[in-house]
Each structure stands twice: as C-alpha cells, then as structure tokens.
Amino acid sequence: MSVTREKSPFSDSENVEALVQDDLASISLGADDTVKRQMSEFYELFKRYIEGEQTEVSWDKLGLLPAEVVVDHSSIAPVETNKGLLDKLVVLKLNGGLGTSMGCEGPKSLIYVRDDKTFLDLTVQQIEYLNEEYESDVPLVLMNSFNTHMDTEKIKHRYEHRVSLHMFEQSKFPRISKESLRPLPKTVDSPHSSWYPPGHGDIYRSLLRSGLLEKFISQGKEYIFISNVDNLGATVDLEILNFLVNQKHPPEFIMEVTDKTRSDVKGGTLVNYDGKIRLLELAQVPKDKVDEFKSVSKFKIFNTNNLWVNLKAIDRLLSKDKIHMEVIVNQKAAPGGSGMIIQLETAAGAAMKNFDRAIGIRVPRSRFLPVKTTSDLVLVMSDLYTVTNGSLVMNPNRGFMSVPLVKLGEKNFKKVKDFLSRFQNIPNMLELDHLTVSGDVTFGTNVTLKGTVIIIANHGERIDIPSGAVLENKIVSGNLRILDH
C-alpha cells in the first residue's frame, strides 16, 4: 500500500540538509557538536519522510504472531537469589512530559499523586528501597525534554543523597509546516514553540550522546529498564531481570505487554509483519483498518512501554547505525491556529526488530498503571491501593484485581486543582466497577461507591453527595444541594 502525500517542494536531486539549513539558522539555539548531531538526525528522519517512506503498514502483510515470541510472566522461574542481580541493572524513566493535560505547570513527574508524594518521589523511594534491601547500587536516570530539564535540575538535590541520580536532555527537532514543509520561525513570545521532543525513540542516541551508555557499560551494567515516569506500575521486576541474566542465550530486548481492554484500544501492539516481529502503532494503521486494529478480540495485547534492553547491544547497533525505527507522523494545529504542523517522531519499542532474540513478556495488568488524567488520578489516590516502599499495590481487600472504569467530566474535573476541590476526601472504591461523573458535582467525606454509579448534574444544576453516603448501582441526576448550617 502506498501513502498519499502532498507533493514535496523538494526534488529528488536536492539535498535536504542544504535546503533547510538557512531556515534552521534562524531558530537554532547553538552550533555545538550536540546540536549538529541532533540536526543530522532530524535531516535523516525528514529526508525519509519527504522521499515518501511508507508510514502506514500494508495490512495484507500482517500474519499470525508466533506463540514463542510472547512469554507469559507466570512461566518465568522464581528468583532463587538476588545476590549481584541488581548490580547489572540501570533504571531509566522517560521524563519529558508536562502536566498541562491536567492543568498543571512544569514536569508531570512533579505532580503530587499519593500521600503527598510526586511521581518522582515514589520512583526514588522504590530505587532507594531496592538498593538498601539488596545491598546494590542501581542508578536512576531521567531522560528529560527541553520542556522539563531545567525544572527537574532544580529539584535533583532532594534525591542525590538517596540514589545515584543521572539526567540528560533528549533531542529537540524543529516543527515543520505541513503546507510548506519548512521549519516554523522562532517567535519572541514563545521561543520553544518552533521545537518539539521527537518521541521516546530518541532514547538510544540521546543516551549515547550523554556519555552514560559508555559509563554504565564500563561499570559492568548489562541491562537498562525503561518506562514512563507516570506509569506507577512500572517497578523493577526481579523475575524478569533474573530471566534476562540467567538465560543461556538471553534476549537483547524485552517488551512488556499486557491484555488489552476497551480503554487500551489506541495502544501499540506486537505483530508479525512480513515475517518479522515489530511494534505496530495506531498512527501506522490505514484509516480503513483502524476499527480492526482497535478490536480487543483480534489484537489481544498492547505495549506497556516497559522495556528491558541489553546495553552492549544498544552500543553495538548504534556503532553500526543499525537502530531503525519507523517514522511516526504526528500532525497538530500550529501555534496561534495558523495551519497545521508536522512532528516526525519515533517510538522506543519500534527498535525491537533490530535486536537479537527480542521477545514480549505478557505481564499482569498491575504493571500498567499510568496516570494520564484526573480519572486515573482518583483511582491511585483511593483505597484501591496501598503504598509499600514507593510501589502501589492493589488493596488485598478488593475482591478482584481488575481496576474500575472511571470517567470524570472534563469541564469540572480535568484540572487537578478543580478535581481536588470537589472531594472532601477520595471515596471508598473497593467494590466499585464503574463510575461516571458529569457536571457540577461534589463529594463529602467518607462516601462509598459500589458497583456501577452514574452521577449527572445537568447544566445549571448541582449535586452534592453527602458525607457518609453509600451509593451502590445508582444513577443520580437533577439537583441535590447540601447546605451549610
């Protein structure tokens, strides 16, 4: 299948780098070696795009995924001894995102999510516990974007005495006008509006540029565990690490996958594509196949973005320029609403196909606990979870391990500040299956929600759920005001 694309203003004989060099000069933040290397990587990605590299898969090339490619976590042998195991590991958190989707400023990792602790607080607590419990020295690495780097640097002193903390800034690429295929000019009011972090697939080259890849290999580290900082389920799994270290021919790359539910239909999945195993993202699916891609029955697993990768293999492949990832075209409205822009990105999991003996491990759902919205936040703040050494653990008093489906209305609950103002304390949710809240709704103290609860305040109406209320399989609508006395 070919991809329909607007005619490029560049001819095949023209050199991409020369054409955009003048444009980039007006927005570049410098001309040191780091910037030059980043621009070289951008030119490579941009050239692949304008020369018509296929960004959608050919659906007829999809085949059945061989059973041996995905190992069930329950089949992995338990760890007999932890001695020296963790000394081979580096933990890296992807820390490039902002909290704007929840109405917060600055790095998302600095949002308070549980017991007056931020995502980063909990992560540090996890690593600190591992190192103390097993007398190891697992370093924690943060890959920041230009959006988060300075703010994260300012608070790193809080943690440096507790863990071996490293951080580096990933690449930044110029945003491209969809119409002209030229970089956007820099504006005085928003100097960063011309740039974007090019996805977490940038991790391999940015890790190399930082000098940390060479450093960790020289220290005898063998594997790096990569995950999103906002995935509170992505803790170090000693059984997976033991599986990696003690195999006769260990895989160089492991992707944690888990069972897809209807709330995960946009997640990337592992597929057999033209006889090779690769990650398929929604952006690469032909428009007429999107519904099929989202099918829970056909594509039963999805990528959690918890990745375990051999450090020497990363170094080997980079030295031969053999880490290839598909171009993901992300289209957005231009700043100020003047047309559309194109961001060319890559996904870290897409590098899987380049590594020897790469596999997926089907992990329990508990290892995928992302907090993207306040609907996710209310769950992790509730009594559904307890916190042990920085890790969230499902409350054993819940009768089943599935997580309730929660949908909070965007108008009144989207921003964290507004969300918090509507709960005197977070309701008891141990027996909750589904919660939908829409409109001007507030909750008193010690409210209990069970089964399916739907609370809808129509426009101009308000509902105050009284303190101590127990709602079980209830639909609440209309006006319900609790007045102060």
Protein backbone atom coordinates (compact mmCIF):
# COMPACT_ATOMS: atom_id res chain seq x y z
CA MET A 1 0.00 0.00 0.00
CA SER A 2 1.38 3.40 -0.95
CA VAL A 3 0.89 6.51 1.12
CA THR A 4 -0.82 9.56 -0.33
CA ARG A 5 1.21 12.65 0.46
CA GLU A 6 1.13 16.21 -0.77
CA LYS A 7 3.69 16.96 -3.43
CA SER A 8 7.01 17.89 -1.86
CA PRO A 9 8.61 21.20 -2.83
CA PHE A 10 11.93 19.34 -2.99
CA SER A 11 13.13 17.39 -5.99
CA ASP A 12 14.84 14.07 -5.52
CA SER A 13 18.15 15.55 -6.60
CA GLU A 14 18.12 18.28 -3.98
CA ASN A 15 19.93 17.88 -0.67
CA VAL A 16 17.57 18.12 2.30
CA GLU A 17 20.20 19.41 4.67
CA ALA A 18 21.21 22.28 2.42
CA LEU A 19 17.59 23.28 1.81
CA VAL A 20 16.59 23.62 5.44
CA GLN A 21 19.91 24.89 6.77
CA ASP A 22 19.03 28.55 6.34
CA ASP A 23 15.63 28.08 7.93
CA LEU A 24 17.15 26.34 10.94
CA ALA A 25 19.80 29.01 11.40
CA SER A 26 17.10 31.45 12.49
CA ILE A 27 15.77 29.18 15.23
CA SER A 28 18.82 27.14 16.25
CA LEU A 29 19.97 27.53 19.83
CA GLY A 30 23.62 26.99 19.00
CA ALA A 31 26.07 25.28 16.71
CA ASP A 32 27.97 23.00 19.08
CA ASP A 33 28.57 19.33 18.34
CA THR A 34 25.44 18.22 20.21
CA VAL A 35 23.19 20.50 18.16
CA LYS A 36 24.88 19.42 14.94
CA ARG A 37 24.35 15.74 15.74
CA GLN A 38 20.72 16.37 16.61
CA MET A 39 20.19 18.25 13.36
CA SER A 40 21.84 15.45 11.44
CA GLU A 41 19.35 13.01 12.99
CA PHE A 42 16.49 15.35 12.12
CA TYR A 43 17.66 15.62 8.49
CA GLU A 44 17.73 11.83 8.27
CA LEU A 45 14.16 11.50 9.57
CA PHE A 46 12.91 14.40 7.46
CA LYS A 47 14.51 13.04 4.31
CA ARG A 48 12.89 9.66 4.82
CA TYR A 49 9.55 11.42 5.15
CA ILE A 50 9.75 13.71 2.10
CA GLU A 51 11.11 10.92 -0.08
CA GLY A 52 7.89 9.04 0.57
CA GLU A 53 8.89 6.39 3.09
CA GLN A 54 5.79 4.39 3.86
CA THR A 55 4.32 5.48 7.19
CA GLU A 56 1.31 3.16 7.00
CA VAL A 57 1.63 -0.61 7.05
CA SER A 58 0.37 -2.84 4.27
CA TRP A 59 -2.42 -4.70 6.01
CA ASP A 60 -2.05 -7.80 3.87
CA LYS A 61 1.48 -8.32 5.21
CA LEU A 62 0.22 -8.95 8.76
CA GLY A 63 0.48 -12.58 9.87
CA LEU A 64 -0.10 -14.64 13.00
CA LEU A 65 2.22 -13.87 15.89
CA PRO A 66 4.29 -16.98 16.75
CA ALA A 67 3.46 -18.25 20.23
CA GLU A 68 7.10 -18.36 21.31
CA VAL A 69 7.52 -14.64 20.70
CA VAL A 70 5.40 -13.75 23.74
CA VAL A 71 6.33 -15.45 27.03
CA ASP A 72 3.82 -15.49 29.88
CA HIS A 73 5.17 -13.92 33.05
CA SER A 74 3.75 -16.77 35.13
CA SER A 75 6.05 -19.22 33.32
CA ILE A 76 9.23 -17.42 34.39
CA ALA A 77 11.18 -19.21 37.10
CA PRO A 78 11.16 -17.51 40.52
CA VAL A 79 14.31 -15.79 41.72
CA GLU A 80 16.40 -18.08 43.92
CA THR A 81 19.00 -15.50 44.87
CA ASN A 82 19.26 -11.76 44.36
CA LYS A 83 22.96 -11.63 45.04
CA GLY A 84 24.61 -9.43 42.41
CA LEU A 85 21.49 -9.41 40.24
CA LEU A 86 20.63 -5.74 40.63
CA ASP A 87 24.23 -4.67 40.12
CA LYS A 88 23.72 -5.39 36.43
CA LEU A 89 20.75 -3.01 36.12
CA VAL A 90 20.13 0.64 35.22
CA VAL A 91 16.64 2.15 35.62
CA LEU A 92 15.59 4.93 33.25
CA LYS A 93 12.38 6.94 33.42
CA LEU A 94 11.05 8.88 30.45
CA ASN A 95 10.54 12.32 31.97
CA GLY A 96 9.77 14.54 29.01
CA GLY A 97 6.10 15.27 29.57
CA LEU A 98 4.41 18.29 31.10
CA GLY A 99 1.37 18.28 33.36
CA THR A 100 -0.65 20.53 31.06
CA SER A 101 -3.19 17.81 30.28
CA MET A 102 -4.24 18.01 33.93
CA GLY A 103 -3.98 21.78 34.21
CA CYS A 104 -0.57 21.79 35.90
CA GLU A 105 2.58 23.69 35.05
CA GLY A 106 6.04 22.15 34.80
CA PRO A 107 7.14 18.49 34.59
CA LYS A 108 4.41 15.94 35.07
CA SER A 109 6.74 13.95 37.31
CA LEU A 110 6.43 16.69 39.95
CA ILE A 111 2.64 16.38 40.31
CA TYR A 112 1.55 15.08 43.73
CA VAL A 113 -0.23 11.77 43.23
CA ARG A 114 -0.27 9.87 46.50
CA ASP A 115 0.43 10.55 50.20
CA ASP A 116 1.95 13.99 49.43
CA LYS A 117 4.44 12.34 47.08
CA THR A 118 5.08 13.08 43.41
CA PHE A 119 5.74 10.57 40.65
CA LEU A 120 9.46 11.25 41.10
CA ASP A 121 9.27 10.91 44.90
CA LEU A 122 7.74 7.45 44.54
CA THR A 123 10.28 6.40 41.90
CA VAL A 124 13.22 7.45 44.08
CA GLN A 125 11.68 5.65 47.06
CA GLN A 126 11.45 2.44 45.00
CA ILE A 127 15.12 2.58 43.93
CA GLU A 128 16.26 3.55 47.40
CA TYR A 129 14.47 0.53 48.87
CA LEU A 130 15.98 -1.87 46.30
CA ASN A 131 19.49 -0.63 47.00
CA GLU A 132 19.08 -0.88 50.76
CA GLU A 133 17.27 -4.22 50.77
CA TYR A 134 19.67 -5.99 48.37
CA GLU A 135 22.86 -4.00 49.08
CA SER A 136 23.05 -2.95 45.45
CA ASP A 137 23.71 0.27 43.57
CA VAL A 138 21.01 0.66 40.92
CA PRO A 139 21.36 4.10 39.30
CA LEU A 140 18.27 6.11 38.37
CA VAL A 141 18.38 8.00 35.07
CA LEU A 142 15.86 10.60 33.86
CA MET A 143 15.55 11.41 30.18
CA ASN A 144 14.15 14.94 30.18
CA SER A 145 12.91 17.06 27.30
CA PHE A 146 13.76 20.74 26.88
CA ASN A 147 10.33 21.34 28.46
CA THR A 148 11.22 19.57 31.71
CA HIS A 149 15.01 19.65 32.02
CA MET A 150 15.56 22.93 33.86
CA ASP A 151 12.75 22.40 36.38
CA THR A 152 13.93 18.85 37.10
CA GLU A 153 17.53 20.00 37.51
CA LYS A 154 16.36 22.48 40.17
CA ILE A 155 14.99 19.78 42.46
CA LYS A 156 17.53 16.97 41.93
CA HIS A 157 19.37 17.97 45.13
CA ARG A 158 16.44 16.47 47.07
CA TYR A 159 17.37 12.99 45.86
CA GLU A 160 21.11 12.90 45.14
CA HIS A 161 21.97 11.77 48.67
CA ARG A 162 19.46 8.92 48.41
CA VAL A 163 20.17 7.39 44.99
CA SER A 164 22.75 7.63 42.23
CA LEU A 165 20.80 10.07 40.07
CA HIS A 166 21.65 11.00 36.49
CA MET A 167 19.72 13.02 33.95
CA PHE A 168 20.15 14.19 30.40
CA GLU A 169 18.15 16.16 27.88
CA GLN A 170 16.84 14.39 24.82
CA SER A 171 16.98 15.84 21.31
CA LYS A 172 14.81 18.64 20.05
CA PHE A 173 13.70 18.79 16.45
CA PRO A 174 12.14 21.67 14.50
CA ARG A 175 8.42 21.63 13.86
CA ILE A 176 7.55 21.62 10.16
CA SER A 177 4.75 23.44 8.40
CA LYS A 178 2.51 20.88 6.71
CA GLU A 179 1.91 23.25 3.81
CA SER A 180 5.44 24.46 3.07
CA LEU A 181 7.45 21.61 4.67
CA ARG A 182 9.69 24.32 6.15
CA PRO A 183 10.64 24.77 9.83
CA LEU A 184 8.47 27.19 11.79
CA PRO A 185 10.14 30.52 12.61
CA LYS A 186 11.05 31.27 16.21
CA THR A 187 8.75 33.72 17.98
CA VAL A 188 9.79 36.22 20.64
CA ASP A 189 6.87 35.34 22.93
CA SER A 190 7.40 31.59 22.75
CA PRO A 191 10.96 30.71 21.67
CA HIS A 192 10.37 26.97 22.16
CA SER A 193 7.23 26.85 20.01
CA SER A 194 9.36 26.01 16.97
CA TRP A 195 10.72 22.84 18.58
CA TYR A 196 9.45 19.53 19.91
CA PRO A 197 10.96 16.44 21.60
CA PRO A 198 10.86 13.71 18.89
CA GLY A 199 9.29 10.89 20.89
CA HIS A 200 10.89 8.34 23.20
CA GLY A 201 12.51 6.50 20.28
CA ASP A 202 15.18 9.17 20.63
CA ILE A 203 16.38 7.50 23.83
CA TYR A 204 19.08 5.35 22.24
CA ARG A 205 21.04 8.10 20.53
CA SER A 206 20.48 10.60 23.34
CA LEU A 207 21.75 8.07 25.89
CA LEU A 208 24.87 7.62 23.77
CA ARG A 209 25.40 11.38 23.42
CA SER A 210 25.07 11.87 27.16
CA GLY A 211 28.10 9.64 27.79
CA LEU A 212 26.07 7.50 30.19
CA LEU A 213 25.88 4.47 27.88
CA GLU A 214 29.66 4.14 27.82
CA LYS A 215 29.87 4.87 31.54
CA PHE A 216 27.39 2.20 32.57
CA ILE A 217 28.94 -0.45 30.33
CA SER A 218 32.37 0.30 31.83
CA GLN A 219 30.83 -0.18 35.29
CA GLY A 220 29.63 -3.67 34.37
CA LYS A 221 25.98 -2.76 33.93
CA GLU A 222 24.25 -5.05 31.42
CA TYR A 223 20.59 -4.06 31.14
CA ILE A 224 18.50 -0.92 31.22
CA PHE A 225 14.86 -0.93 32.30
CA ILE A 226 12.97 1.85 30.50
CA SER A 227 9.47 3.03 31.42
CA ASN A 228 7.27 6.12 31.58
CA VAL A 229 7.59 8.11 34.79
CA ASP A 230 3.79 8.37 35.05
CA ASN A 231 3.30 4.57 34.96
CA LEU A 232 3.08 3.78 38.67
CA GLY A 233 3.02 0.03 37.94
CA ALA A 234 6.42 0.07 36.20
CA THR A 235 8.60 -1.08 39.08
CA VAL A 236 11.72 -3.23 38.87
CA ASP A 237 10.67 -6.87 38.39
CA LEU A 238 13.37 -9.16 39.76
CA GLU A 239 11.95 -12.21 37.97
CA ILE A 240 12.24 -10.54 34.55
CA LEU A 241 15.76 -9.38 35.38
CA ASN A 242 16.69 -12.88 36.54
CA PHE A 243 15.22 -14.29 33.31
CA LEU A 244 17.46 -11.95 31.32
CA VAL A 245 20.64 -12.57 33.24
CA ASN A 246 20.44 -16.35 33.55
CA GLN A 247 19.30 -17.42 30.07
CA LYS A 248 21.91 -19.31 28.04
CA HIS A 249 21.07 -17.11 25.06
CA PRO A 250 19.24 -14.18 26.65
CA PRO A 251 17.06 -11.87 24.58
CA GLU A 252 18.61 -8.50 23.89
CA PHE A 253 15.24 -6.79 24.08
CA ILE A 254 12.08 -7.49 26.09
CA MET A 255 8.84 -5.58 25.72
CA GLU A 256 6.30 -5.96 28.49
CA VAL A 257 2.82 -6.42 27.03
CA THR A 258 -0.47 -6.95 28.80
CA ASP A 259 -4.04 -7.85 27.94
CA LYS A 260 -5.93 -5.17 26.03
CA THR A 261 -9.19 -3.78 27.37
CA ARG A 262 -11.58 -1.33 25.74
CA SER A 263 -9.73 1.52 27.43
CA ASP A 264 -6.46 0.49 25.73
CA VAL A 265 -7.59 0.30 22.11
CA LYS A 266 -5.16 3.00 20.98
CA GLY A 267 -2.12 1.22 22.41
CA GLY A 268 0.55 -0.21 20.11
CA THR A 269 0.70 -3.97 19.72
CA LEU A 270 3.16 -6.65 18.61
CA VAL A 271 2.54 -8.07 15.16
CA ASN A 272 4.14 -10.43 12.68
CA TYR A 273 4.78 -8.11 9.75
CA ASP A 274 6.10 -9.63 6.56
CA GLY A 275 7.66 -12.43 8.60
CA LYS A 276 9.29 -10.16 11.21
CA ILE A 277 8.19 -9.16 14.69
CA ARG A 278 7.56 -5.46 15.10
CA LEU A 279 5.57 -2.90 17.07
CA LEU A 280 2.50 -1.54 15.30
CA GLU A 281 1.28 1.88 16.44
CA LEU A 282 -2.15 3.38 15.74
CA ALA A 283 -0.57 6.15 13.65
CA GLN A 284 0.74 3.48 11.23
CA VAL A 285 -2.64 1.84 10.65
CA PRO A 286 -4.53 2.61 7.41
CA LYS A 287 -7.66 4.63 8.14
CA ASP A 288 -9.97 1.90 6.87
CA LYS A 289 -8.35 -0.61 9.26
CA VAL A 290 -8.45 1.46 12.46
CA ASP A 291 -11.55 -0.27 13.85
CA GLU A 292 -9.97 -3.65 13.20
CA PHE A 293 -6.77 -2.53 14.95
CA LYS A 294 -8.80 -1.46 17.99
CA SER A 295 -10.50 -4.85 18.20
CA VAL A 296 -9.92 -6.48 21.57
CA SER A 297 -10.57 -9.91 20.10
CA LYS A 298 -8.09 -9.65 17.19
CA PHE A 299 -5.23 -7.74 18.84
CA LYS A 300 -5.32 -9.03 22.39
CA ILE A 301 -2.18 -7.44 23.84
CA PHE A 302 -0.64 -3.99 23.83
CA ASN A 303 2.70 -2.41 24.61
CA THR A 304 3.05 -1.05 28.17
CA ASN A 305 6.26 0.76 27.14
CA ASN A 306 8.12 -1.09 29.88
CA LEU A 307 11.28 -2.18 28.03
CA TRP A 308 14.33 -4.20 29.09
CA VAL A 309 17.29 -3.72 26.77
CA ASN A 310 20.87 -5.01 26.68
CA LEU A 311 23.27 -2.05 26.96
CA LYS A 312 26.05 -3.60 24.89
CA ALA A 313 23.54 -4.42 22.17
CA ILE A 314 22.46 -0.76 22.07
CA ASP A 315 26.10 0.28 21.75
CA ARG A 316 26.78 -2.32 19.02
CA LEU A 317 23.79 -1.33 16.93
CA LEU A 318 24.42 2.40 17.27
CA SER A 319 28.05 1.97 16.25
CA LYS A 320 26.83 0.36 13.01
CA ASP A 321 23.89 2.76 12.61
CA LYS A 322 21.57 -0.25 12.78
CA ILE A 323 18.79 1.03 15.02
CA HIS A 324 15.97 1.72 12.60
CA MET A 325 12.53 2.85 13.73
CA GLU A 326 9.53 3.70 11.60
CA VAL A 327 8.66 7.37 11.15
CA ILE A 328 5.54 8.36 13.08
CA VAL A 329 3.87 11.46 11.63
CA ASN A 330 2.15 13.49 14.33
CA GLN A 331 0.00 16.31 12.94
CA LYS A 332 -1.06 19.19 15.17
CA ALA A 333 -2.55 22.65 14.92
CA ALA A 334 0.18 25.27 14.57
CA PRO A 335 0.71 27.74 17.45
CA GLY A 336 -1.77 30.56 17.04
CA GLY A 337 -4.01 28.41 14.85
CA SER A 338 -2.18 29.24 11.62
CA GLY A 339 -2.49 25.98 9.72
CA MET A 340 -1.12 22.56 10.62
CA ILE A 341 2.33 21.40 11.65
CA ILE A 342 4.08 18.07 11.32
CA GLN A 343 6.17 16.44 14.03
CA LEU A 344 8.25 13.46 12.95
CA GLU A 345 8.69 11.05 15.84
CA THR A 346 9.82 7.52 16.68
CA ALA A 347 8.81 5.05 19.40
CA ALA A 348 11.35 3.29 21.63
CA GLY A 349 9.56 -0.05 21.28
CA ALA A 350 9.84 0.12 17.48
CA ALA A 351 13.57 -0.58 17.84
CA MET A 352 12.69 -4.10 18.96
CA LYS A 353 13.07 -5.53 15.45
CA ASN A 354 16.77 -4.57 15.37
CA PHE A 355 17.80 -6.66 18.40
CA ASP A 356 18.64 -10.36 18.54
CA ARG A 357 16.11 -12.77 20.11
CA ALA A 358 13.70 -9.95 21.00
CA ILE A 359 10.52 -11.12 22.75
CA GLY A 360 7.48 -9.87 24.58
CA ILE A 361 6.56 -10.87 28.12
CA ARG A 362 2.86 -10.91 28.96
CA VAL A 363 2.72 -9.29 32.38
CA PRO A 364 -0.13 -8.79 34.87
CA ARG A 365 -2.24 -5.68 34.39
CA SER A 366 -0.84 -4.33 37.67
CA ARG A 367 2.38 -3.41 35.82
CA PHE A 368 0.48 -0.90 33.71
CA LEU A 369 -0.90 1.87 35.92
CA PRO A 370 -0.49 5.13 34.01
CA VAL A 371 -1.85 8.43 35.28
CA LYS A 372 -2.81 10.49 32.24
CA THR A 373 -5.95 12.21 33.54
CA THR A 374 -7.70 13.00 36.81
CA SER A 375 -9.88 9.94 36.12
CA ASP A 376 -6.69 7.89 36.58
CA LEU A 377 -5.56 10.06 39.50
CA VAL A 378 -8.69 9.42 41.59
CA LEU A 379 -8.01 5.67 41.38
CA VAL A 380 -4.40 5.82 42.60
CA MET A 381 -5.37 8.22 45.40
CA SER A 382 -8.15 5.93 46.62
CA ASP A 383 -8.24 2.96 49.00
CA LEU A 384 -7.90 0.65 45.99
CA TYR A 385 -4.16 0.85 46.55
CA THR A 386 -1.69 0.83 49.38
CA VAL A 387 1.87 2.14 49.08
CA THR A 388 4.78 -0.12 50.01
CA ASN A 389 8.32 1.20 49.59
CA GLY A 390 7.18 3.61 46.89
CA SER A 391 5.22 0.96 44.95
CA LEU A 392 1.44 0.98 44.60
CA VAL A 393 -0.08 -2.40 45.47
CA MET A 394 -3.71 -3.35 44.94
CA ASN A 395 -5.54 -3.45 48.26
CA PRO A 396 -5.91 -7.15 49.20
CA ASN A 397 -9.42 -6.41 50.47
CA ARG A 398 -10.65 -5.85 46.92
CA GLY A 399 -12.42 -8.98 45.81
CA PHE A 400 -10.93 -8.99 42.29
CA MET A 401 -7.84 -7.49 40.68
CA SER A 402 -9.41 -5.51 37.84
CA VAL A 403 -9.37 -1.72 38.04
CA PRO A 404 -12.69 0.18 37.93
CA LEU A 405 -13.53 2.22 34.84
CA VAL A 406 -13.77 5.88 35.86
CA LYS A 407 -14.86 8.79 33.67
CA LEU A 408 -14.86 12.26 35.22
CA GLY A 409 -16.31 15.15 33.24
CA GLU A 410 -13.66 17.35 31.66
CA LYS A 411 -15.34 20.70 32.32
CA ASN A 412 -15.31 20.41 36.12
CA PHE A 413 -12.72 17.71 36.83
CA LYS A 414 -10.00 17.96 34.17
CA LYS A 415 -7.62 20.24 36.10
CA VAL A 416 -6.06 18.83 39.25
CA LYS A 417 -6.91 21.96 41.25
CA ASP A 418 -10.60 21.75 40.29
CA PHE A 419 -10.63 17.99 40.80
CA LEU A 420 -9.27 18.25 44.35
CA SER A 421 -11.76 20.98 45.28
CA ARG A 422 -14.66 18.60 44.54
CA PHE A 423 -13.65 15.88 47.00
CA GLN A 424 -13.53 16.44 50.75
CA ASN A 425 -11.75 13.12 50.66
CA ILE A 426 -11.50 10.42 47.99
CA PRO A 427 -14.44 7.97 48.16
CA ASN A 428 -14.11 4.33 49.18
CA MET A 429 -13.88 2.39 45.91
CA LEU A 430 -13.04 -1.15 46.98
CA GLU A 431 -16.24 -2.55 45.48
CA LEU A 432 -16.57 -0.13 42.55
CA ASP A 433 -16.88 -1.37 38.96
CA HIS A 434 -17.75 1.77 37.04
CA LEU A 435 -18.05 5.46 37.88
CA THR A 436 -19.23 8.26 35.59
CA VAL A 437 -19.46 11.82 36.90
CA SER A 438 -20.56 14.76 34.78
CA GLY A 439 -21.38 18.36 35.62
CA ASP A 440 -21.24 20.33 38.87
CA VAL A 441 -20.80 17.51 41.40
CA THR A 442 -19.09 17.49 44.80
CA PHE A 443 -18.37 14.68 47.28
CA GLY A 444 -18.48 14.87 51.07
CA THR A 445 -16.33 12.83 53.43
CA ASN A 446 -16.41 9.03 53.75
CA VAL A 447 -18.52 8.42 50.66
CA THR A 448 -18.66 4.78 49.50
CA LEU A 449 -19.17 3.81 45.85
CA LYS A 450 -20.07 0.25 44.84
CA GLY A 451 -20.95 -1.47 41.58
CA THR A 452 -21.92 0.96 38.81
CA VAL A 453 -22.50 4.56 39.85
CA ILE A 454 -23.54 7.34 37.45
CA ILE A 455 -23.88 10.91 38.71
CA ILE A 456 -25.02 13.56 36.23
CA ALA A 457 -25.77 17.19 37.04
CA ASN A 458 -27.31 18.87 34.01
CA HIS A 459 -26.48 22.42 33.01
CA GLY A 460 -27.46 24.86 35.76
CA GLU A 461 -27.89 22.08 38.33
CA ARG A 462 -25.62 20.91 41.13
CA ILE A 463 -25.31 17.65 43.03
CA ASP A 464 -23.61 17.41 46.44
CA ILE A 465 -23.09 13.81 47.52
CA PRO A 466 -23.48 13.97 51.31
CA SER A 467 -20.85 12.75 53.75
CA GLY A 468 -21.24 9.11 54.68
CA ALA A 469 -23.39 8.32 51.63
CA VAL A 470 -23.29 4.79 50.21
CA LEU A 471 -24.11 4.59 46.50
CA GLU A 472 -24.43 1.10 45.08
CA ASN A 473 -25.60 0.58 41.49
CA LYS A 474 -27.20 4.04 41.48
CA ILE A 475 -27.96 6.70 38.92
CA VAL A 476 -28.12 10.18 40.45
CA SER A 477 -29.36 13.18 38.46
CA GLY A 478 -31.10 16.51 38.95
CA ASN A 479 -30.40 18.86 41.89
CA LEU A 480 -29.10 17.74 45.27
CA ARG A 481 -27.70 20.54 47.42
CA ILE A 482 -26.23 20.06 50.89
CA LEU A 483 -26.34 23.47 52.59
CA ASP A 484 -24.02 24.57 55.41
CA HIS A 485 -25.73 25.09 58.80
